[in-house]
Amino acid sequence: WARSAVATAVKNGIIKGYTDNTFRPQDNATRAEAATVIMNALNLNK
């Protein structure tokens, strides 16, 4: 159900997934992962 949203987020550089090219929606995000997504979404890392 979230495939298109994930694809859009990847395309826009907001999320990258794990080094094995997977996403783990069933896992809880760590604080660092959440902070990274927020920073990427707000373009704070550029």
PDB file of N, CA and C in Angstrom:
ATOM      1  N   TRP A   1       0.811  -1.203   0.000  1.00  0.00           N
ATOM      2  CA  TRP A   1       0.000   0.000   0.000  1.00  0.00           C
ATOM      3  C   TRP A   1       0.845   1.254   0.000  1.00  0.00           C
ATOM      4  N   ALA A   2       2.086   1.175   0.410  1.00  0.00           N
ATOM      5  CA  ALA A   2       2.940   2.367   0.488  1.00  0.00           C
ATOM      6  C   ALA A   2       3.984   2.424  -0.622  1.00  0.00           C
ATOM      7  N   ARG A   3       3.897   1.525  -1.553  1.00  0.00           N
ATOM      8  CA  ARG A   3       4.931   1.410  -2.589  1.00  0.00           C
ATOM      9  C   ARG A   3       5.167   2.720  -3.346  1.00  0.00           C
ATOM     10  N   SER A   4       4.109   3.401  -3.763  1.00  0.00           N
ATOM     11  CA  SER A   4       4.300   4.636  -4.536  1.00  0.00           C
ATOM     12  C   SER A   4       4.882   5.751  -3.672  1.00  0.00           C
ATOM     13  N   ALA A   5       4.480   5.823  -2.407  1.00  0.00           N
ATOM     14  CA  ALA A   5       5.028   6.844  -1.509  1.00  0.00           C
ATOM     15  C   ALA A   5       6.511   6.590  -1.249  1.00  0.00           C
ATOM     16  N   VAL A   6       6.881   5.347  -1.047  1.00  0.00           N
ATOM     17  CA  VAL A   6       8.291   4.999  -0.831  1.00  0.00           C
ATOM     18  C   VAL A   6       9.098   5.314  -2.086  1.00  0.00           C
ATOM     19  N   ALA A   7       8.575   4.957  -3.243  1.00  0.00           N
ATOM     20  CA  ALA A   7       9.279   5.233  -4.500  1.00  0.00           C
ATOM     21  C   ALA A   7       9.495   6.731  -4.692  1.00  0.00           C
ATOM     22  N   THR A   8       8.499   7.527  -4.376  1.00  0.00           N
ATOM     23  CA  THR A   8       8.622   8.981  -4.489  1.00  0.00           C
ATOM     24  C   THR A   8       9.657   9.518  -3.512  1.00  0.00           C
ATOM     25  N   ALA A   9       9.646   9.012  -2.284  1.00  0.00           N
ATOM     26  CA  ALA A   9      10.605   9.461  -1.275  1.00  0.00           C
ATOM     27  C   ALA A   9      12.033   9.090  -1.671  1.00  0.00           C
ATOM     28  N   VAL A  10      12.222   7.914  -2.232  1.00  0.00           N
ATOM     29  CA  VAL A  10      13.551   7.498  -2.697  1.00  0.00           C
ATOM     30  C   VAL A  10      13.993   8.390  -3.853  1.00  0.00           C
ATOM     31  N   LYS A  11      13.098   8.600  -4.804  1.00  0.00           N
ATOM     32  CA  LYS A  11      13.404   9.429  -5.980  1.00  0.00           C
ATOM     33  C   LYS A  11      13.830  10.839  -5.581  1.00  0.00           C
ATOM     34  N   ASN A  12      13.226  11.363  -4.518  1.00  0.00           N
ATOM     35  CA  ASN A  12      13.525  12.715  -4.057  1.00  0.00           C
ATOM     36  C   ASN A  12      14.633  12.773  -3.010  1.00  0.00           C
ATOM     37  N   GLY A  13      15.263  11.634  -2.712  1.00  0.00           N
ATOM     38  CA  GLY A  13      16.396  11.612  -1.794  1.00  0.00           C
ATOM     39  C   GLY A  13      16.030  11.757  -0.328  1.00  0.00           C
ATOM     40  N   ILE A  14      14.769  11.517   0.005  1.00  0.00           N
ATOM     41  CA  ILE A  14      14.336  11.659   1.395  1.00  0.00           C
ATOM     42  C   ILE A  14      14.695  10.415   2.199  1.00  0.00           C
ATOM     43  N   ILE A  15      14.509   9.253   1.588  1.00  0.00           N
ATOM     44  CA  ILE A  15      14.892   7.999   2.233  1.00  0.00           C
ATOM     45  C   ILE A  15      15.765   7.198   1.282  1.00  0.00           C
ATOM     46  N   LYS A  16      16.592   6.341   1.861  1.00  0.00           N
ATOM     47  CA  LYS A  16      17.501   5.556   1.044  1.00  0.00           C
ATOM     48  C   LYS A  16      17.383   4.061   1.297  1.00  0.00           C
ATOM     49  N   GLY A  17      16.799   3.652   2.386  1.00  0.00           N
ATOM     50  CA  GLY A  17      16.739   2.237   2.703  1.00  0.00           C
ATOM     51  C   GLY A  17      18.044   1.760   3.320  1.00  0.00           C
ATOM     52  N   TYR A  18      18.173   0.452   3.407  1.00  0.00           N
ATOM     53  CA  TYR A  18      19.348  -0.158   4.025  1.00  0.00           C
ATOM     54  C   TYR A  18      20.379  -0.533   2.971  1.00  0.00           C
ATOM     55  N   THR A  19      21.580  -0.856   3.405  1.00  0.00           N
ATOM     56  CA  THR A  19      22.669  -1.158   2.476  1.00  0.00           C
ATOM     57  C   THR A  19      22.394  -2.381   1.613  1.00  0.00           C
ATOM     58  N   ASP A  20      21.470  -3.244   2.037  1.00  0.00           N
ATOM     59  CA  ASP A  20      21.116  -4.407   1.219  1.00  0.00           C
ATOM     60  C   ASP A  20      19.946  -4.097   0.282  1.00  0.00           C
ATOM     61  N   ASN A  21      19.679  -2.798   0.068  1.00  0.00           N
ATOM     62  CA  ASN A  21      18.628  -2.314  -0.834  1.00  0.00           C
ATOM     63  C   ASN A  21      17.227  -2.735  -0.422  1.00  0.00           C
ATOM     64  N   THR A  22      16.990  -2.812   0.875  1.00  0.00           N
ATOM     65  CA  THR A  22      15.659  -3.144   1.373  1.00  0.00           C
ATOM     66  C   THR A  22      15.118  -1.996   2.209  1.00  0.00           C
ATOM     67  N   PHE A  23      13.809  -2.030   2.404  1.00  0.00           N
ATOM     68  CA  PHE A  23      13.133  -1.176   3.364  1.00  0.00           C
ATOM     69  C   PHE A  23      12.508  -2.120   4.365  1.00  0.00           C
ATOM     70  N   ARG A  24      12.398  -1.684   5.577  1.00  0.00           N
ATOM     71  CA  ARG A  24      11.877  -2.568   6.622  1.00  0.00           C
ATOM     72  C   ARG A  24      10.724  -1.882   7.345  1.00  0.00           C
ATOM     73  N   PRO A  25       9.577  -1.802   6.694  1.00  0.00           N
ATOM     74  CA  PRO A  25       8.446  -1.073   7.280  1.00  0.00           C
ATOM     75  C   PRO A  25       7.905  -1.711   8.550  1.00  0.00           C
ATOM     76  N   GLN A  26       8.180  -2.986   8.767  1.00  0.00           N
ATOM     77  CA  GLN A  26       7.701  -3.644   9.976  1.00  0.00           C
ATOM     78  C   GLN A  26       8.579  -3.325  11.184  1.00  0.00           C
ATOM     79  N   ASP A  27       9.799  -2.827  10.940  1.00  0.00           N
ATOM     80  CA  ASP A  27      10.709  -2.467  12.032  1.00  0.00           C
ATOM     81  C   ASP A  27      10.445  -1.038  12.497  1.00  0.00           C
ATOM     82  N   ASN A  28      10.764  -0.776  13.743  1.00  0.00           N
ATOM     83  CA  ASN A  28      10.679   0.592  14.253  1.00  0.00           C
ATOM     84  C   ASN A  28      11.876   1.385  13.755  1.00  0.00           C
ATOM     85  N   ALA A  29      11.658   2.641  13.410  1.00  0.00           N
ATOM     86  CA  ALA A  29      12.759   3.515  13.011  1.00  0.00           C
ATOM     87  C   ALA A  29      13.513   3.952  14.261  1.00  0.00           C
ATOM     88  N   THR A  30      14.825   4.023  14.142  1.00  0.00           N
ATOM     89  CA  THR A  30      15.622   4.538  15.252  1.00  0.00           C
ATOM     90  C   THR A  30      15.506   6.061  15.274  1.00  0.00           C
ATOM     91  N   ARG A  31      15.943   6.649  16.346  1.00  0.00           N
ATOM     92  CA  ARG A  31      15.939   8.115  16.438  1.00  0.00           C
ATOM     93  C   ARG A  31      16.819   8.714  15.337  1.00  0.00           C
ATOM     94  N   ALA A  32      17.949   8.099  15.080  1.00  0.00           N
ATOM     95  CA  ALA A  32      18.856   8.592  14.037  1.00  0.00           C
ATOM     96  C   ALA A  32      18.216   8.490  12.651  1.00  0.00           C
ATOM     97  N   GLU A  33      17.521   7.386  12.388  1.00  0.00           N
ATOM     98  CA  GLU A  33      16.850   7.232  11.097  1.00  0.00           C
ATOM     99  C   GLU A  33      15.752   8.268  10.922  1.00  0.00           C
ATOM    100  N   ALA A  34      14.980   8.494  11.960  1.00  0.00           N
ATOM    101  CA  ALA A  34      13.907   9.492  11.896  1.00  0.00           C
ATOM    102  C   ALA A  34      14.488  10.883  11.675  1.00  0.00           C
ATOM    103  N   ALA A  35      15.562  11.204  12.381  1.00  0.00           N
ATOM    104  CA  ALA A  35      16.198  12.513  12.218  1.00  0.00           C
ATOM    105  C   ALA A  35      16.735  12.689  10.801  1.00  0.00           C
ATOM    106  N   THR A  36      17.300  11.642  10.241  1.00  0.00           N
ATOM    107  CA  THR A  36      17.821  11.704   8.876  1.00  0.00           C
ATOM    108  C   THR A  36      16.710  11.958   7.871  1.00  0.00           C
ATOM    109  N   VAL A  37      15.594  11.262   8.022  1.00  0.00           N
ATOM    110  CA  VAL A  37      14.459  11.463   7.118  1.00  0.00           C
ATOM    111  C   VAL A  37      13.946  12.895   7.217  1.00  0.00           C
ATOM    112  N   ILE A  38      13.823  13.406   8.433  1.00  0.00           N
ATOM    113  CA  ILE A  38      13.343  14.782   8.620  1.00  0.00           C
ATOM    114  C   ILE A  38      14.315  15.773   7.993  1.00  0.00           C
ATOM    115  N   MET A  39      15.608  15.585   8.242  1.00  0.00           N
ATOM    116  CA  MET A  39      16.605  16.495   7.669  1.00  0.00           C
ATOM    117  C   MET A  39      16.589  16.447   6.145  1.00  0.00           C
ATOM    118  N   ASN A  40      16.467  15.252   5.584  1.00  0.00           N
ATOM    119  CA  ASN A  40      16.412  15.123   4.128  1.00  0.00           C
ATOM    120  C   ASN A  40      15.149  15.773   3.566  1.00  0.00           C
ATOM    121  N   ALA A  41      14.031  15.584   4.230  1.00  0.00           N
ATOM    122  CA  ALA A  41      12.767  16.148   3.758  1.00  0.00           C
ATOM    123  C   ALA A  41      12.791  17.671   3.787  1.00  0.00           C
ATOM    124  N   LEU A  42      13.482  18.230   4.759  1.00  0.00           N
ATOM    125  CA  LEU A  42      13.551  19.686   4.894  1.00  0.00           C
ATOM    126  C   LEU A  42      14.789  20.281   4.216  1.00  0.00           C
ATOM    127  N   ASN A  43      15.563  19.423   3.546  1.00  0.00           N
ATOM    128  CA  ASN A  43      16.802  19.843   2.878  1.00  0.00           C
ATOM    129  C   ASN A  43      17.772  20.532   3.823  1.00  0.00           C
ATOM    130  N   LEU A  44      17.856  20.058   5.059  1.00  0.00           N
ATOM    131  CA  LEU A  44      18.749  20.660   6.045  1.00  0.00           C
ATOM    132  C   LEU A  44      20.178  20.153   5.930  1.00  0.00           C
ATOM    133  N   ASN A  45      20.393  19.105   5.165  1.00  0.00           N
ATOM    134  CA  ASN A  45      21.725  18.519   5.057  1.00  0.00           C
ATOM    135  C   ASN A  45      22.485  19.030   3.836  1.00  0.00           C
ATOM    136  N   LYS A  46      21.970  20.036   3.171  1.00  0.00           N
ATOM    137  CA  LYS A  46      22.629  20.542   1.952  1.00  0.00           C
ATOM    138  C   LYS A  46      23.128  21.934   2.140  1.00  0.00           C
TER     139      LYS A  46
END
